[in-house]
Protein backbone atom coordinates (compact mmCIF):
# COMPACT_ATOMS: atom_id res chain seq x y z
CA UNK A 1 0.00 0.00 0.00
CA UNK A 2 1.23 3.50 -0.78
CA UNK A 3 1.10 6.42 1.63
CA UNK A 4 -1.91 7.83 -0.26
CA UNK A 5 -3.75 4.51 -0.17
CA UNK A 6 -3.18 4.26 3.58
CA UNK A 7 -4.34 7.84 4.05
CA UNK A 8 -7.51 7.11 2.05
CA UNK A 9 -8.16 4.11 4.27
CA UNK A 10 -7.78 5.94 7.61
CA UNK A 11 -8.83 9.49 6.70
CA UNK A 12 -11.63 11.42 5.01
CA UNK A 13 -11.00 12.50 1.42
CA UNK A 14 -12.16 16.01 0.48
CA UNK A 15 -11.81 17.99 -2.73
CA UNK A 16 -12.89 21.48 -3.71
CA UNK A 17 -11.62 23.30 -6.75
CA UNK A 18 -7.83 22.92 -6.79
CA UNK A 19 -7.70 21.54 -3.23
CA UNK A 20 -7.39 17.78 -2.76
CA UNK A 21 -6.95 16.71 0.86
CA UNK A 22 -7.37 13.77 3.19
CA UNK A 23 -8.37 14.88 6.69
CA UNK A 24 -7.57 13.00 9.90
CA UNK A 25 -9.32 13.01 13.28
CA UNK A 26 -6.93 12.24 16.13
CA UNK A 27 -9.47 10.38 18.25
CA UNK A 28 -10.66 8.24 15.33
CA UNK A 29 -7.05 7.32 14.49
CA UNK A 30 -6.38 6.38 18.11
CA UNK A 31 -3.62 9.00 18.41
CA UNK A 32 -5.59 10.48 21.29
CA UNK A 33 -7.69 8.30 23.58
CA UNK A 34 -10.63 10.40 24.69
CA UNK A 35 -13.57 9.82 26.99
CA UNK A 36 -16.33 12.43 26.87
CA UNK A 37 -19.08 13.70 29.12
CA UNK A 38 -22.65 13.47 27.85
CA UNK A 39 -22.29 17.10 26.77
CA UNK A 40 -19.47 16.17 24.40
CA UNK A 41 -16.75 17.89 26.42
CA UNK A 42 -13.54 15.95 27.10
CA UNK A 43 -13.73 14.10 30.43
CA UNK A 44 -10.37 12.30 30.16
CA UNK A 45 -7.64 12.20 27.54
CA UNK A 46 -4.26 10.62 27.00
CA UNK A 47 -1.94 9.97 24.08
CA UNK A 48 -1.96 6.51 22.50
CA UNK A 49 1.46 5.88 24.09
CA UNK A 50 -0.14 6.43 27.52
CA UNK A 51 1.43 9.80 28.23
CA UNK A 52 -0.88 12.36 29.81
CA UNK A 53 -2.44 15.42 28.20
CA UNK A 54 -4.82 17.84 29.87
CA UNK A 55 -8.46 17.76 28.88
CA UNK A 56 -8.21 21.36 27.67
CA UNK A 57 -5.17 20.67 25.48
CA UNK A 58 -6.81 17.53 24.09
CA UNK A 59 -9.91 19.56 23.24
CA UNK A 60 -7.77 22.12 21.40
CA UNK A 61 -6.00 19.34 19.46
CA UNK A 62 -9.30 17.74 18.53
CA UNK A 63 -10.29 21.09 17.04
CA UNK A 64 -7.05 21.41 15.07
CA UNK A 65 -7.23 20.34 11.46
CA UNK A 66 -4.74 17.72 10.24
CA UNK A 67 -4.65 16.76 6.58
CA UNK A 68 -2.53 15.22 3.88
CA UNK A 69 -2.27 17.40 0.78
CA UNK A 70 -2.76 14.80 -1.96
CA UNK A 71 -0.70 16.44 -4.77
CA UNK A 72 2.37 17.02 -2.56
CA UNK A 73 1.80 14.25 0.02
CA UNK A 74 2.67 16.81 2.72
CA UNK A 75 1.04 16.55 6.14
CA UNK A 76 -0.43 19.95 7.08
CA UNK A 77 -2.15 21.48 10.09
CA UNK A 78 -4.28 24.49 10.92
CA UNK A 79 -5.01 25.61 14.45
CA UNK A 80 -8.58 26.74 14.92
CA UNK A 81 -8.08 27.60 18.58
CA UNK A 82 -5.60 30.11 19.95
CA UNK A 83 -3.18 28.55 22.39
CA UNK A 84 -2.96 25.06 20.89
CA UNK A 85 0.48 23.86 21.99
CA UNK A 86 2.94 23.56 19.08
CA UNK A 87 4.74 20.72 20.86
CA UNK A 88 1.51 18.74 21.03
CA UNK A 89 0.78 19.51 17.38
CA UNK A 90 4.25 18.28 16.42
CA UNK A 91 3.70 15.09 18.43
CA UNK A 92 0.34 14.50 16.72
CA UNK A 93 1.90 15.04 13.27
CA UNK A 94 4.69 12.60 14.16
CA UNK A 95 2.16 9.98 15.27
CA UNK A 96 0.07 10.40 12.11
CA UNK A 97 3.20 10.06 9.96
CA UNK A 98 4.13 6.89 11.87
CA UNK A 99 0.65 5.45 11.23
CA UNK A 100 0.93 6.23 7.52
CA UNK A 101 4.41 4.67 7.32
CA UNK A 102 3.50 1.56 9.35
CA UNK A 103 0.84 0.53 6.85
CA UNK A 104 2.89 1.26 3.72
CA UNK A 105 4.24 -1.65 1.72
CA UNK A 106 6.81 -0.98 -0.96
CA UNK A 107 7.68 -3.26 -3.83
C-alpha atoms as a PDB file:
ATOM      1  CA  UNK A   1       0.000   0.000   0.000  1.00  0.00           C
ATOM      2  CA  UNK A   2       1.227   3.497  -0.784  1.00  0.00           C
ATOM      3  CA  UNK A   3       1.097   6.424   1.628  1.00  0.00           C
ATOM      4  CA  UNK A   4      -1.913   7.835  -0.256  1.00  0.00           C
ATOM      5  CA  UNK A   5      -3.750   4.510  -0.170  1.00  0.00           C
ATOM      6  CA  UNK A   6      -3.179   4.256   3.576  1.00  0.00           C
ATOM      7  CA  UNK A   7      -4.339   7.842   4.048  1.00  0.00           C
ATOM      8  CA  UNK A   8      -7.507   7.112   2.049  1.00  0.00           C
ATOM      9  CA  UNK A   9      -8.161   4.110   4.274  1.00  0.00           C
ATOM     10  CA  UNK A  10      -7.777   5.941   7.605  1.00  0.00           C
ATOM     11  CA  UNK A  11      -8.828   9.494   6.701  1.00  0.00           C
ATOM     12  CA  UNK A  12     -11.626  11.415   5.008  1.00  0.00           C
ATOM     13  CA  UNK A  13     -10.996  12.499   1.417  1.00  0.00           C
ATOM     14  CA  UNK A  14     -12.159  16.009   0.479  1.00  0.00           C
ATOM     15  CA  UNK A  15     -11.812  17.988  -2.734  1.00  0.00           C
ATOM     16  CA  UNK A  16     -12.890  21.482  -3.710  1.00  0.00           C
ATOM     17  CA  UNK A  17     -11.616  23.296  -6.752  1.00  0.00           C
ATOM     18  CA  UNK A  18      -7.834  22.917  -6.791  1.00  0.00           C
ATOM     19  CA  UNK A  19      -7.704  21.544  -3.227  1.00  0.00           C
ATOM     20  CA  UNK A  20      -7.391  17.781  -2.762  1.00  0.00           C
ATOM     21  CA  UNK A  21      -6.951  16.711   0.858  1.00  0.00           C
ATOM     22  CA  UNK A  22      -7.366  13.768   3.186  1.00  0.00           C
ATOM     23  CA  UNK A  23      -8.369  14.879   6.690  1.00  0.00           C
ATOM     24  CA  UNK A  24      -7.567  13.000   9.898  1.00  0.00           C
ATOM     25  CA  UNK A  25      -9.317  13.011  13.282  1.00  0.00           C
ATOM     26  CA  UNK A  26      -6.933  12.238  16.129  1.00  0.00           C
ATOM     27  CA  UNK A  27      -9.475  10.378  18.254  1.00  0.00           C
ATOM     28  CA  UNK A  28     -10.657   8.235  15.325  1.00  0.00           C
ATOM     29  CA  UNK A  29      -7.050   7.319  14.490  1.00  0.00           C
ATOM     30  CA  UNK A  30      -6.379   6.384  18.108  1.00  0.00           C
ATOM     31  CA  UNK A  31      -3.618   8.999  18.406  1.00  0.00           C
ATOM     32  CA  UNK A  32      -5.592  10.482  21.292  1.00  0.00           C
ATOM     33  CA  UNK A  33      -7.685   8.304  23.577  1.00  0.00           C
ATOM     34  CA  UNK A  34     -10.626  10.405  24.692  1.00  0.00           C
ATOM     35  CA  UNK A  35     -13.567   9.825  26.989  1.00  0.00           C
ATOM     36  CA  UNK A  36     -16.332  12.426  26.873  1.00  0.00           C
ATOM     37  CA  UNK A  37     -19.076  13.703  29.125  1.00  0.00           C
ATOM     38  CA  UNK A  38     -22.648  13.470  27.848  1.00  0.00           C
ATOM     39  CA  UNK A  39     -22.294  17.099  26.767  1.00  0.00           C
ATOM     40  CA  UNK A  40     -19.472  16.174  24.401  1.00  0.00           C
ATOM     41  CA  UNK A  41     -16.748  17.894  26.425  1.00  0.00           C
ATOM     42  CA  UNK A  42     -13.538  15.951  27.095  1.00  0.00           C
ATOM     43  CA  UNK A  43     -13.731  14.097  30.429  1.00  0.00           C
ATOM     44  CA  UNK A  44     -10.373  12.304  30.155  1.00  0.00           C
ATOM     45  CA  UNK A  45      -7.641  12.204  27.537  1.00  0.00           C
ATOM     46  CA  UNK A  46      -4.258  10.624  26.996  1.00  0.00           C
ATOM     47  CA  UNK A  47      -1.939   9.969  24.079  1.00  0.00           C
ATOM     48  CA  UNK A  48      -1.956   6.507  22.501  1.00  0.00           C
ATOM     49  CA  UNK A  49       1.461   5.878  24.094  1.00  0.00           C
ATOM     50  CA  UNK A  50      -0.139   6.430  27.524  1.00  0.00           C
ATOM     51  CA  UNK A  51       1.434   9.804  28.227  1.00  0.00           C
ATOM     52  CA  UNK A  52      -0.882  12.357  29.811  1.00  0.00           C
ATOM     53  CA  UNK A  53      -2.443  15.416  28.205  1.00  0.00           C
ATOM     54  CA  UNK A  54      -4.816  17.839  29.873  1.00  0.00           C
ATOM     55  CA  UNK A  55      -8.459  17.765  28.882  1.00  0.00           C
ATOM     56  CA  UNK A  56      -8.214  21.360  27.666  1.00  0.00           C
ATOM     57  CA  UNK A  57      -5.169  20.671  25.483  1.00  0.00           C
ATOM     58  CA  UNK A  58      -6.805  17.532  24.091  1.00  0.00           C
ATOM     59  CA  UNK A  59      -9.912  19.556  23.239  1.00  0.00           C
ATOM     60  CA  UNK A  60      -7.766  22.115  21.401  1.00  0.00           C
ATOM     61  CA  UNK A  61      -5.995  19.339  19.464  1.00  0.00           C
ATOM     62  CA  UNK A  62      -9.299  17.738  18.533  1.00  0.00           C
ATOM     63  CA  UNK A  63     -10.293  21.087  17.043  1.00  0.00           C
ATOM     64  CA  UNK A  64      -7.049  21.412  15.073  1.00  0.00           C
ATOM     65  CA  UNK A  65      -7.228  20.345  11.457  1.00  0.00           C
ATOM     66  CA  UNK A  66      -4.738  17.725  10.242  1.00  0.00           C
ATOM     67  CA  UNK A  67      -4.649  16.761   6.577  1.00  0.00           C
ATOM     68  CA  UNK A  68      -2.531  15.217   3.883  1.00  0.00           C
ATOM     69  CA  UNK A  69      -2.265  17.396   0.785  1.00  0.00           C
ATOM     70  CA  UNK A  70      -2.756  14.799  -1.962  1.00  0.00           C
ATOM     71  CA  UNK A  71      -0.699  16.444  -4.767  1.00  0.00           C
ATOM     72  CA  UNK A  72       2.374  17.022  -2.559  1.00  0.00           C
ATOM     73  CA  UNK A  73       1.798  14.247   0.024  1.00  0.00           C
ATOM     74  CA  UNK A  74       2.669  16.805   2.724  1.00  0.00           C
ATOM     75  CA  UNK A  75       1.043  16.555   6.135  1.00  0.00           C
ATOM     76  CA  UNK A  76      -0.427  19.949   7.077  1.00  0.00           C
ATOM     77  CA  UNK A  77      -2.150  21.482  10.090  1.00  0.00           C
ATOM     78  CA  UNK A  78      -4.278  24.487  10.917  1.00  0.00           C
ATOM     79  CA  UNK A  79      -5.006  25.606  14.454  1.00  0.00           C
ATOM     80  CA  UNK A  80      -8.582  26.743  14.920  1.00  0.00           C
ATOM     81  CA  UNK A  81      -8.084  27.604  18.579  1.00  0.00           C
ATOM     82  CA  UNK A  82      -5.603  30.112  19.954  1.00  0.00           C
ATOM     83  CA  UNK A  83      -3.179  28.552  22.388  1.00  0.00           C
ATOM     84  CA  UNK A  84      -2.963  25.063  20.888  1.00  0.00           C
ATOM     85  CA  UNK A  85       0.480  23.860  21.991  1.00  0.00           C
ATOM     86  CA  UNK A  86       2.938  23.564  19.079  1.00  0.00           C
ATOM     87  CA  UNK A  87       4.745  20.721  20.857  1.00  0.00           C
ATOM     88  CA  UNK A  88       1.515  18.739  21.028  1.00  0.00           C
ATOM     89  CA  UNK A  89       0.777  19.507  17.382  1.00  0.00           C
ATOM     90  CA  UNK A  90       4.254  18.280  16.416  1.00  0.00           C
ATOM     91  CA  UNK A  91       3.698  15.090  18.435  1.00  0.00           C
ATOM     92  CA  UNK A  92       0.338  14.502  16.721  1.00  0.00           C
ATOM     93  CA  UNK A  93       1.904  15.036  13.274  1.00  0.00           C
ATOM     94  CA  UNK A  94       4.685  12.600  14.157  1.00  0.00           C
ATOM     95  CA  UNK A  95       2.162   9.977  15.272  1.00  0.00           C
ATOM     96  CA  UNK A  96       0.071  10.403  12.111  1.00  0.00           C
ATOM     97  CA  UNK A  97       3.204  10.059   9.962  1.00  0.00           C
ATOM     98  CA  UNK A  98       4.135   6.894  11.868  1.00  0.00           C
ATOM     99  CA  UNK A  99       0.654   5.450  11.231  1.00  0.00           C
ATOM    100  CA  UNK A 100       0.930   6.226   7.519  1.00  0.00           C
ATOM    101  CA  UNK A 101       4.409   4.675   7.324  1.00  0.00           C
ATOM    102  CA  UNK A 102       3.498   1.558   9.346  1.00  0.00           C
ATOM    103  CA  UNK A 103       0.845   0.529   6.850  1.00  0.00           C
ATOM    104  CA  UNK A 104       2.894   1.261   3.718  1.00  0.00           C
ATOM    105  CA  UNK A 105       4.236  -1.648   1.723  1.00  0.00           C
ATOM    106  CA  UNK A 106       6.807  -0.983  -0.959  1.00  0.00           C
ATOM    107  CA  UNK A 107       7.682  -3.262  -3.830  1.00  0.00           C
END
